mmCIF file of all heavy atoms, coordinates in Angstrom:
data_MODEL
# 
_entry.id   MODEL 
# 
loop_
_atom_site.group_PDB 
_atom_site.id 
_atom_site.type_symbol 
_atom_site.label_atom_id 
_atom_site.label_alt_id 
_atom_site.label_comp_id 
_atom_site.label_asym_id 
_atom_site.label_entity_id 
_atom_site.label_seq_id 
_atom_site.pdbx_PDB_ins_code 
_atom_site.Cartn_x 
_atom_site.Cartn_y 
_atom_site.Cartn_z 
_atom_site.occupancy 
_atom_site.B_iso_or_equiv 
_atom_site.pdbx_formal_charge 
_atom_site.auth_seq_id 
_atom_site.auth_comp_id 
_atom_site.auth_asym_id 
_atom_site.auth_atom_id 
_atom_site.pdbx_PDB_model_num 
ATOM 1   N N   . LYS A 1 1  ? 82.556  98.330  101.199 1.00 0.00 ? 1  LYS A N   1 
ATOM 2   C CA  . LYS A 1 1  ? 83.862  98.202  100.552 1.00 0.00 ? 1  LYS A CA  1 
ATOM 3   C C   . LYS A 1 1  ? 84.478  99.559  100.222 1.00 0.00 ? 1  LYS A C   1 
ATOM 4   O O   . LYS A 1 1  ? 85.694  99.701  100.216 1.00 0.00 ? 1  LYS A O   1 
ATOM 5   C CB  . LYS A 1 1  ? 83.738  97.347  99.286  1.00 0.00 ? 1  LYS A CB  1 
ATOM 6   C CG  . LYS A 1 1  ? 83.489  95.899  99.589  1.00 0.00 ? 1  LYS A CG  1 
ATOM 7   C CD  . LYS A 1 1  ? 83.488  95.053  98.338  1.00 0.00 ? 1  LYS A CD  1 
ATOM 8   C CE  . LYS A 1 1  ? 83.186  93.609  98.753  1.00 0.00 ? 1  LYS A CE  1 
ATOM 9   N NZ  . LYS A 1 1  ? 83.465  92.667  97.699  1.00 0.00 ? 1  LYS A NZ  1 
ATOM 10  N N   . ALA A 1 2  ? 83.639  100.551 99.950  1.00 0.00 ? 2  ALA A N   1 
ATOM 11  C CA  . ALA A 1 2  ? 84.167  101.895 99.677  1.00 0.00 ? 2  ALA A CA  1 
ATOM 12  C C   . ALA A 1 2  ? 84.860  102.453 100.925 1.00 0.00 ? 2  ALA A C   1 
ATOM 13  O O   . ALA A 1 2  ? 85.927  103.067 100.822 1.00 0.00 ? 2  ALA A O   1 
ATOM 14  C CB  . ALA A 1 2  ? 83.053  102.829 99.221  1.00 0.00 ? 2  ALA A CB  1 
ATOM 15  N N   . LEU A 1 3  ? 84.277  102.224 102.088 1.00 0.00 ? 3  LEU A N   1 
ATOM 16  C CA  . LEU A 1 3  ? 84.898  102.677 103.338 1.00 0.00 ? 3  LEU A CA  1 
ATOM 17  C C   . LEU A 1 3  ? 86.239  101.977 103.534 1.00 0.00 ? 3  LEU A C   1 
ATOM 18  O O   . LEU A 1 3  ? 87.231  102.612 103.903 1.00 0.00 ? 3  LEU A O   1 
ATOM 19  C CB  . LEU A 1 3  ? 83.972  102.418 104.529 1.00 0.00 ? 3  LEU A CB  1 
ATOM 20  C CG  . LEU A 1 3  ? 84.534  102.769 105.907 1.00 0.00 ? 3  LEU A CG  1 
ATOM 21  C CD1 . LEU A 1 3  ? 84.882  104.250 106.007 1.00 0.00 ? 3  LEU A CD1 1 
ATOM 22  C CD2 . LEU A 1 3  ? 83.537  102.371 107.000 1.00 0.00 ? 3  LEU A CD2 1 
ATOM 23  N N   . TYR A 1 4  ? 86.280  100.690 103.255 1.00 0.00 ? 4  TYR A N   1 
ATOM 24  C CA  . TYR A 1 4  ? 87.521  99.937  103.381 1.00 0.00 ? 4  TYR A CA  1 
ATOM 25  C C   . TYR A 1 4  ? 88.589  100.504 102.436 1.00 0.00 ? 4  TYR A C   1 
ATOM 26  O O   . TYR A 1 4  ? 89.735  100.718 102.836 1.00 0.00 ? 4  TYR A O   1 
ATOM 27  C CB  . TYR A 1 4  ? 87.270  98.455  103.092 1.00 0.00 ? 4  TYR A CB  1 
ATOM 28  C CG  . TYR A 1 4  ? 88.539  97.643  103.040 1.00 0.00 ? 4  TYR A CG  1 
ATOM 29  C CD1 . TYR A 1 4  ? 89.175  97.243  104.212 1.00 0.00 ? 4  TYR A CD1 1 
ATOM 30  C CD2 . TYR A 1 4  ? 89.116  97.297  101.823 1.00 0.00 ? 4  TYR A CD2 1 
ATOM 31  C CE1 . TYR A 1 4  ? 90.349  96.507  104.161 1.00 0.00 ? 4  TYR A CE1 1 
ATOM 32  C CE2 . TYR A 1 4  ? 90.284  96.570  101.771 1.00 0.00 ? 4  TYR A CE2 1 
ATOM 33  C CZ  . TYR A 1 4  ? 90.893  96.178  102.933 1.00 0.00 ? 4  TYR A CZ  1 
ATOM 34  O OH  . TYR A 1 4  ? 92.057  95.463  102.888 1.00 0.00 ? 4  TYR A OH  1 
ATOM 35  N N   . ARG A 1 5  ? 88.235  100.752 101.177 1.00 0.00 ? 5  ARG A N   1 
ATOM 36  C CA  . ARG A 1 5  ? 89.197  101.274 100.198 1.00 0.00 ? 5  ARG A CA  1 
ATOM 37  C C   . ARG A 1 5  ? 89.697  102.662 100.596 1.00 0.00 ? 5  ARG A C   1 
ATOM 38  O O   . ARG A 1 5  ? 90.887  102.943 100.491 1.00 0.00 ? 5  ARG A O   1 
ATOM 39  C CB  . ARG A 1 5  ? 88.580  101.300 98.800  1.00 0.00 ? 5  ARG A CB  1 
ATOM 40  C CG  . ARG A 1 5  ? 88.478  99.925  98.153  1.00 0.00 ? 5  ARG A CG  1 
ATOM 41  C CD  . ARG A 1 5  ? 88.123  99.994  96.680  1.00 0.00 ? 5  ARG A CD  1 
ATOM 42  N NE  . ARG A 1 5  ? 86.865  100.676 96.420  1.00 0.00 ? 5  ARG A NE  1 
ATOM 43  C CZ  . ARG A 1 5  ? 85.669  100.078 96.398  1.00 0.00 ? 5  ARG A CZ  1 
ATOM 44  N NH1 . ARG A 1 5  ? 85.585  98.784  96.615  1.00 0.00 ? 5  ARG A NH1 1 
ATOM 45  N NH2 . ARG A 1 5  ? 84.584  100.783 96.157  1.00 0.00 ? 5  ARG A NH2 1 
ATOM 46  N N   . TRP A 1 6  ? 88.785  103.534 101.032 1.00 0.00 ? 6  TRP A N   1 
ATOM 47  C CA  . TRP A 1 6  ? 89.189  104.871 101.471 1.00 0.00 ? 6  TRP A CA  1 
ATOM 48  C C   . TRP A 1 6  ? 90.131  104.769 102.675 1.00 0.00 ? 6  TRP A C   1 
ATOM 49  O O   . TRP A 1 6  ? 91.110  105.503 102.765 1.00 0.00 ? 6  TRP A O   1 
ATOM 50  C CB  . TRP A 1 6  ? 87.964  105.702 101.840 1.00 0.00 ? 6  TRP A CB  1 
ATOM 51  C CG  . TRP A 1 6  ? 87.294  106.351 100.678 1.00 0.00 ? 6  TRP A CG  1 
ATOM 52  C CD1 . TRP A 1 6  ? 86.574  105.742 99.695  1.00 0.00 ? 6  TRP A CD1 1 
ATOM 53  C CD2 . TRP A 1 6  ? 87.293  107.735 100.380 1.00 0.00 ? 6  TRP A CD2 1 
ATOM 54  N NE1 . TRP A 1 6  ? 86.115  106.675 98.810  1.00 0.00 ? 6  TRP A NE1 1 
ATOM 55  C CE2 . TRP A 1 6  ? 86.540  107.913 99.203  1.00 0.00 ? 6  TRP A CE2 1 
ATOM 56  C CE3 . TRP A 1 6  ? 87.839  108.852 101.001 1.00 0.00 ? 6  TRP A CE3 1 
ATOM 57  C CZ2 . TRP A 1 6  ? 86.331  109.159 98.633  1.00 0.00 ? 6  TRP A CZ2 1 
ATOM 58  C CZ3 . TRP A 1 6  ? 87.628  110.093 100.436 1.00 0.00 ? 6  TRP A CZ3 1 
ATOM 59  C CH2 . TRP A 1 6  ? 86.890  110.235 99.261  1.00 0.00 ? 6  TRP A CH2 1 
ATOM 60  N N   . THR A 1 7  ? 89.804  103.873 103.582 1.00 0.00 ? 7  THR A N   1 
ATOM 61  C CA  . THR A 1 7  ? 90.641  103.700 104.776 1.00 0.00 ? 7  THR A CA  1 
ATOM 62  C C   . THR A 1 7  ? 92.019  103.188 104.394 1.00 0.00 ? 7  THR A C   1 
ATOM 63  O O   . THR A 1 7  ? 93.036  103.678 104.903 1.00 0.00 ? 7  THR A O   1 
ATOM 64  C CB  . THR A 1 7  ? 89.970  102.735 105.775 1.00 0.00 ? 7  THR A CB  1 
ATOM 65  O OG1 . THR A 1 7  ? 88.699  103.269 106.133 1.00 0.00 ? 7  THR A OG1 1 
ATOM 66  C CG2 . THR A 1 7  ? 90.808  102.543 107.016 1.00 0.00 ? 7  THR A CG2 1 
ATOM 67  N N   . LEU A 1 8  ? 92.066  102.213 103.495 1.00 0.00 ? 8  LEU A N   1 
ATOM 68  C CA  . LEU A 1 8  ? 93.349  101.674 103.056 1.00 0.00 ? 8  LEU A CA  1 
ATOM 69  C C   . LEU A 1 8  ? 94.182  102.769 102.383 1.00 0.00 ? 8  LEU A C   1 
ATOM 70  O O   . LEU A 1 8  ? 95.376  102.906 102.664 1.00 0.00 ? 8  LEU A O   1 
ATOM 71  C CB  . LEU A 1 8  ? 93.138  100.492 102.103 1.00 0.00 ? 8  LEU A CB  1 
ATOM 72  C CG  . LEU A 1 8  ? 94.398  99.786  101.615 1.00 0.00 ? 8  LEU A CG  1 
ATOM 73  C CD1 . LEU A 1 8  ? 95.198  99.225  102.777 1.00 0.00 ? 8  LEU A CD1 1 
ATOM 74  C CD2 . LEU A 1 8  ? 94.016  98.679  100.634 1.00 0.00 ? 8  LEU A CD2 1 
ATOM 75  N N   . GLY A 1 9  ? 93.561  103.571 101.537 1.00 0.00 ? 9  GLY A N   1 
ATOM 76  C CA  . GLY A 1 9  ? 94.280  104.668 100.887 1.00 0.00 ? 9  GLY A CA  1 
ATOM 77  C C   . GLY A 1 9  ? 94.789  105.696 101.879 1.00 0.00 ? 9  GLY A C   1 
ATOM 78  O O   . GLY A 1 9  ? 95.943  106.138 101.798 1.00 0.00 ? 9  GLY A O   1 
ATOM 79  N N   . ALA A 1 10 ? 93.933  106.075 102.825 1.00 0.00 ? 10 ALA A N   1 
ATOM 80  C CA  . ALA A 1 10 ? 94.341  107.054 103.843 1.00 0.00 ? 10 ALA A CA  1 
ATOM 81  C C   . ALA A 1 10 ? 95.459  106.493 104.712 1.00 0.00 ? 10 ALA A C   1 
ATOM 82  O O   . ALA A 1 10 ? 96.398  107.212 105.082 1.00 0.00 ? 10 ALA A O   1 
ATOM 83  C CB  . ALA A 1 10 ? 93.141  107.451 104.708 1.00 0.00 ? 10 ALA A CB  1 
ATOM 84  N N   . ASP A 1 11 ? 95.364  105.204 105.021 1.00 0.00 ? 11 ASP A N   1 
ATOM 85  C CA  . ASP A 1 11 ? 96.382  104.562 105.838 1.00 0.00 ? 11 ASP A CA  1 
ATOM 86  C C   . ASP A 1 11 ? 97.723  104.518 105.103 1.00 0.00 ? 11 ASP A C   1 
ATOM 87  O O   . ASP A 1 11 ? 98.766  104.827 105.679 1.00 0.00 ? 11 ASP A O   1 
ATOM 88  C CB  . ASP A 1 11 ? 95.925  103.153 106.213 1.00 0.00 ? 11 ASP A CB  1 
ATOM 89  C CG  . ASP A 1 11 ? 96.857  102.502 107.200 1.00 0.00 ? 11 ASP A CG  1 
ATOM 90  O OD1 . ASP A 1 11 ? 96.993  103.031 108.318 1.00 0.00 ? 11 ASP A OD1 1 
ATOM 91  O OD2 . ASP A 1 11 ? 97.459  101.465 106.853 1.00 0.00 ? 11 ASP A OD2 1 
ATOM 92  N N   . LEU A 1 12 ? 97.698  104.133 103.826 1.00 0.00 ? 12 LEU A N   1 
ATOM 93  C CA  . LEU A 1 12 ? 98.942  104.092 103.058 1.00 0.00 ? 12 LEU A CA  1 
ATOM 94  C C   . LEU A 1 12 ? 99.564  105.486 102.938 1.00 0.00 ? 12 LEU A C   1 
ATOM 95  O O   . LEU A 1 12 ? 100.778 105.632 103.091 1.00 0.00 ? 12 LEU A O   1 
ATOM 96  C CB  . LEU A 1 12 ? 98.698  103.491 101.675 1.00 0.00 ? 12 LEU A CB  1 
ATOM 97  C CG  . LEU A 1 12 ? 98.480  101.984 101.651 1.00 0.00 ? 12 LEU A CG  1 
ATOM 98  C CD1 . LEU A 1 12 ? 98.021  101.522 100.275 1.00 0.00 ? 12 LEU A CD1 1 
ATOM 99  C CD2 . LEU A 1 12 ? 99.741  101.238 102.079 1.00 0.00 ? 12 LEU A CD2 1 
ATOM 100 N N   . LEU A 1 13 ? 98.741  106.493 102.702 1.00 0.00 ? 13 LEU A N   1 
ATOM 101 C CA  . LEU A 1 13 ? 99.258  107.854 102.581 1.00 0.00 ? 13 LEU A CA  1 
ATOM 102 C C   . LEU A 1 13 ? 99.840  108.348 103.907 1.00 0.00 ? 13 LEU A C   1 
ATOM 103 O O   . LEU A 1 13 ? 100.991 108.805 103.968 1.00 0.00 ? 13 LEU A O   1 
ATOM 104 C CB  . LEU A 1 13 ? 98.157  108.805 102.106 1.00 0.00 ? 13 LEU A CB  1 
ATOM 105 C CG  . LEU A 1 13 ? 98.563  110.277 102.025 1.00 0.00 ? 13 LEU A CG  1 
ATOM 106 C CD1 . LEU A 1 13 ? 99.682  110.478 101.006 1.00 0.00 ? 13 LEU A CD1 1 
ATOM 107 C CD2 . LEU A 1 13 ? 97.364  111.141 101.692 1.00 0.00 ? 13 LEU A CD2 1 
ATOM 108 N N   . SER A 1 14 ? 99.056  108.240 104.980 1.00 0.00 ? 14 SER A N   1 
ATOM 109 C CA  . SER A 1 14 ? 99.526  108.770 106.265 1.00 0.00 ? 14 SER A CA  1 
ATOM 110 C C   . SER A 1 14 ? 100.731 107.995 106.798 1.00 0.00 ? 14 SER A C   1 
ATOM 111 O O   . SER A 1 14 ? 101.694 108.597 107.280 1.00 0.00 ? 14 SER A O   1 
ATOM 112 C CB  . SER A 1 14 ? 98.398  108.791 107.295 1.00 0.00 ? 14 SER A CB  1 
ATOM 113 O OG  . SER A 1 14 ? 97.930  107.483 107.547 1.00 0.00 ? 14 SER A OG  1 
ATOM 114 N N   . ASN A 1 15 ? 100.702 106.675 106.688 1.00 0.00 ? 15 ASN A N   1 
ATOM 115 C CA  . ASN A 1 15 ? 101.843 105.891 107.179 1.00 0.00 ? 15 ASN A CA  1 
ATOM 116 C C   . ASN A 1 15 ? 103.072 106.082 106.296 1.00 0.00 ? 15 ASN A C   1 
ATOM 117 O O   . ASN A 1 15 ? 104.199 106.022 106.789 1.00 0.00 ? 15 ASN A O   1 
ATOM 118 C CB  . ASN A 1 15 ? 101.483 104.413 107.298 1.00 0.00 ? 15 ASN A CB  1 
ATOM 119 C CG  . ASN A 1 15 ? 100.731 104.113 108.570 1.00 0.00 ? 15 ASN A CG  1 
ATOM 120 O OD1 . ASN A 1 15 ? 100.837 104.835 109.554 1.00 0.00 ? 15 ASN A OD1 1 
ATOM 121 N ND2 . ASN A 1 15 ? 99.958  103.045 108.558 1.00 0.00 ? 15 ASN A ND2 1 
ATOM 122 N N   . SER A 1 16 ? 102.874 106.302 104.991 1.00 0.00 ? 16 SER A N   1 
ATOM 123 C CA  . SER A 1 16 ? 104.025 106.579 104.120 1.00 0.00 ? 16 SER A CA  1 
ATOM 124 C C   . SER A 1 16 ? 104.714 107.871 104.548 1.00 0.00 ? 16 SER A C   1 
ATOM 125 O O   . SER A 1 16 ? 105.949 107.931 104.638 1.00 0.00 ? 16 SER A O   1 
ATOM 126 C CB  . SER A 1 16 ? 103.589 106.694 102.661 1.00 0.00 ? 16 SER A CB  1 
ATOM 127 O OG  . SER A 1 16 ? 103.158 105.455 102.164 1.00 0.00 ? 16 SER A OG  1 
ATOM 128 N N   . LEU A 1 17 ? 103.931 108.899 104.805 1.00 0.00 ? 17 LEU A N   1 
ATOM 129 C CA  . LEU A 1 17 ? 104.511 110.162 105.259 1.00 0.00 ? 17 LEU A CA  1 
ATOM 130 C C   . LEU A 1 17 ? 105.171 110.001 106.628 1.00 0.00 ? 17 LEU A C   1 
ATOM 131 O O   . LEU A 1 17 ? 106.271 110.514 106.869 1.00 0.00 ? 17 LEU A O   1 
ATOM 132 C CB  . LEU A 1 17 ? 103.443 111.250 105.300 1.00 0.00 ? 17 LEU A CB  1 
ATOM 133 C CG  . LEU A 1 17 ? 102.892 111.659 103.930 1.00 0.00 ? 17 LEU A CG  1 
ATOM 134 C CD1 . LEU A 1 17 ? 101.715 112.607 104.099 1.00 0.00 ? 17 LEU A CD1 1 
ATOM 135 C CD2 . LEU A 1 17 ? 103.976 112.275 103.067 1.00 0.00 ? 17 LEU A CD2 1 
ATOM 136 N N   . TYR A 1 18 ? 104.505 109.275 107.516 1.00 0.00 ? 18 TYR A N   1 
ATOM 137 C CA  . TYR A 1 18 ? 105.044 109.073 108.864 1.00 0.00 ? 18 TYR A CA  1 
ATOM 138 C C   . TYR A 1 18 ? 106.355 108.281 108.813 1.00 0.00 ? 18 TYR A C   1 
ATOM 139 O O   . TYR A 1 18 ? 107.377 108.721 109.353 1.00 0.00 ? 18 TYR A O   1 
ATOM 140 C CB  . TYR A 1 18 ? 104.012 108.351 109.733 1.00 0.00 ? 18 TYR A CB  1 
ATOM 141 C CG  . TYR A 1 18 ? 104.529 108.023 111.113 1.00 0.00 ? 18 TYR A CG  1 
ATOM 142 C CD1 . TYR A 1 18 ? 104.650 109.011 112.086 1.00 0.00 ? 18 TYR A CD1 1 
ATOM 143 C CD2 . TYR A 1 18 ? 104.911 106.731 111.446 1.00 0.00 ? 18 TYR A CD2 1 
ATOM 144 C CE1 . TYR A 1 18 ? 105.141 108.726 113.349 1.00 0.00 ? 18 TYR A CE1 1 
ATOM 145 C CE2 . TYR A 1 18 ? 105.393 106.430 112.711 1.00 0.00 ? 18 TYR A CE2 1 
ATOM 146 C CZ  . TYR A 1 18 ? 105.512 107.427 113.652 1.00 0.00 ? 18 TYR A CZ  1 
ATOM 147 O OH  . TYR A 1 18 ? 105.996 107.132 114.903 1.00 0.00 ? 18 TYR A OH  1 
ATOM 148 N N   . PHE A 1 19 ? 106.343 107.123 108.169 1.00 0.00 ? 19 PHE A N   1 
ATOM 149 C CA  . PHE A 1 19 ? 107.557 106.308 108.116 1.00 0.00 ? 19 PHE A CA  1 
ATOM 150 C C   . PHE A 1 19 ? 108.635 106.956 107.255 1.00 0.00 ? 19 PHE A C   1 
ATOM 151 O O   . PHE A 1 19 ? 109.815 106.628 107.393 1.00 0.00 ? 19 PHE A O   1 
ATOM 152 C CB  . PHE A 1 19 ? 107.248 104.887 107.635 1.00 0.00 ? 19 PHE A CB  1 
ATOM 153 C CG  . PHE A 1 19 ? 106.601 104.022 108.672 1.00 0.00 ? 19 PHE A CG  1 
ATOM 154 C CD1 . PHE A 1 19 ? 105.371 103.432 108.432 1.00 0.00 ? 19 PHE A CD1 1 
ATOM 155 C CD2 . PHE A 1 19 ? 107.202 103.788 109.895 1.00 0.00 ? 19 PHE A CD2 1 
ATOM 156 C CE1 . PHE A 1 19 ? 104.767 102.624 109.382 1.00 0.00 ? 19 PHE A CE1 1 
ATOM 157 C CE2 . PHE A 1 19 ? 106.605 102.989 110.862 1.00 0.00 ? 19 PHE A CE2 1 
ATOM 158 C CZ  . PHE A 1 19 ? 105.379 102.408 110.601 1.00 0.00 ? 19 PHE A CZ  1 
ATOM 159 N N   . GLY A 1 20 ? 108.256 107.885 106.380 1.00 0.00 ? 20 GLY A N   1 
ATOM 160 C CA  . GLY A 1 20 ? 109.241 108.633 105.617 1.00 0.00 ? 20 GLY A CA  1 
ATOM 161 C C   . GLY A 1 20 ? 110.131 109.499 106.487 1.00 0.00 ? 20 GLY A C   1 
ATOM 162 O O   . GLY A 1 20 ? 111.216 109.908 106.068 1.00 0.00 ? 20 GLY A O   1 
ATOM 163 N N   . LEU A 1 21 ? 109.701 109.746 107.719 1.00 0.00 ? 21 LEU A N   1 
ATOM 164 C CA  . LEU A 1 21 ? 110.531 110.514 108.658 1.00 0.00 ? 21 LEU A CA  1 
ATOM 165 C C   . LEU A 1 21 ? 111.848 109.807 108.959 1.00 0.00 ? 21 LEU A C   1 
ATOM 166 O O   . LEU A 1 21 ? 112.779 110.421 109.479 1.00 0.00 ? 21 LEU A O   1 
ATOM 167 C CB  . LEU A 1 21 ? 109.767 110.779 109.958 1.00 0.00 ? 21 LEU A CB  1 
ATOM 168 C CG  . LEU A 1 21 ? 108.542 111.684 109.833 1.00 0.00 ? 21 LEU A CG  1 
ATOM 169 C CD1 . LEU A 1 21 ? 107.781 111.736 111.162 1.00 0.00 ? 21 LEU A CD1 1 
ATOM 170 C CD2 . LEU A 1 21 ? 108.934 113.072 109.381 1.00 0.00 ? 21 LEU A CD2 1 
ATOM 171 N N   . VAL A 1 22 ? 111.935 108.541 108.615 1.00 0.00 ? 22 VAL A N   1 
ATOM 172 C CA  . VAL A 1 22 ? 113.180 107.799 108.798 1.00 0.00 ? 22 VAL A CA  1 
ATOM 173 C C   . VAL A 1 22 ? 114.310 108.473 108.006 1.00 0.00 ? 22 VAL A C   1 
ATOM 174 O O   . VAL A 1 22 ? 115.484 108.344 108.351 1.00 0.00 ? 22 VAL A O   1 
ATOM 175 C CB  . VAL A 1 22 ? 113.000 106.310 108.397 1.00 0.00 ? 22 VAL A CB  1 
ATOM 176 C CG1 . VAL A 1 22 ? 113.009 106.119 106.901 1.00 0.00 ? 22 VAL A CG1 1 
ATOM 177 C CG2 . VAL A 1 22 ? 114.032 105.429 109.048 1.00 0.00 ? 22 VAL A CG2 1 
ATOM 178 N N   . GLY A 1 23 ? 113.944 109.236 106.974 1.00 0.00 ? 23 GLY A N   1 
ATOM 179 C CA  . GLY A 1 23 ? 114.934 109.911 106.153 1.00 0.00 ? 23 GLY A CA  1 
ATOM 180 C C   . GLY A 1 23 ? 115.417 111.236 106.686 1.00 0.00 ? 23 GLY A C   1 
ATOM 181 O O   . GLY A 1 23 ? 116.193 111.917 106.022 1.00 0.00 ? 23 GLY A O   1 
ATOM 182 N N   . LEU A 1 24 ? 115.002 111.625 107.876 1.00 0.00 ? 24 LEU A N   1 
ATOM 183 C CA  . LEU A 1 24 ? 115.446 112.900 108.447 1.00 0.00 ? 24 LEU A CA  1 
ATOM 184 C C   . LEU A 1 24 ? 116.753 112.748 109.209 1.00 0.00 ? 24 LEU A C   1 
ATOM 185 O O   . LEU A 1 24 ? 116.857 113.028 110.392 1.00 0.00 ? 24 LEU A O   1 
ATOM 186 C CB  . LEU A 1 24 ? 114.368 113.478 109.370 1.00 0.00 ? 24 LEU A CB  1 
ATOM 187 C CG  . LEU A 1 24 ? 113.089 113.907 108.683 1.00 0.00 ? 24 LEU A CG  1 
ATOM 188 C CD1 . LEU A 1 24 ? 112.093 114.449 109.695 1.00 0.00 ? 24 LEU A CD1 1 
ATOM 189 C CD2 . LEU A 1 24 ? 113.371 114.949 107.613 1.00 0.00 ? 24 LEU A CD2 1 
ATOM 190 N N   . GLY A 1 25 ? 117.736 112.292 108.532 1.00 0.00 ? 25 GLY A N   1 
ATOM 191 C CA  . GLY A 1 25 ? 119.037 112.115 109.146 1.00 0.00 ? 25 GLY A CA  1 
ATOM 192 C C   . GLY A 1 25 ? 119.888 111.221 108.280 1.00 0.00 ? 25 GLY A C   1 
ATOM 193 O O   . GLY A 1 25 ? 119.443 110.744 107.231 1.00 0.00 ? 25 GLY A O   1 
ATOM 194 N N   . PRO A 1 26 ? 121.100 110.965 108.717 1.00 0.00 ? 26 PRO A N   1 
ATOM 195 C CA  . PRO A 1 26 ? 121.985 110.127 107.909 1.00 0.00 ? 26 PRO A CA  1 
ATOM 196 C C   . PRO A 1 26 ? 121.494 108.678 107.858 1.00 0.00 ? 26 PRO A C   1 
ATOM 197 O O   . PRO A 1 26 ? 120.833 108.194 108.777 1.00 0.00 ? 26 PRO A O   1 
ATOM 198 C CB  . PRO A 1 26 ? 123.336 110.226 108.630 1.00 0.00 ? 26 PRO A CB  1 
ATOM 199 C CG  . PRO A 1 26 ? 123.010 110.621 110.031 1.00 0.00 ? 26 PRO A CG  1 
ATOM 200 C CD  . PRO A 1 26 ? 121.743 111.439 109.946 1.00 0.00 ? 26 PRO A CD  1 
# 
């Protein structure tokens, strides 16, 4: 379960930064 939680956290962080690129423009 610790691996699952770490993976979920890493996924939320990395995908948040990635999908945040939607803000690079109007």
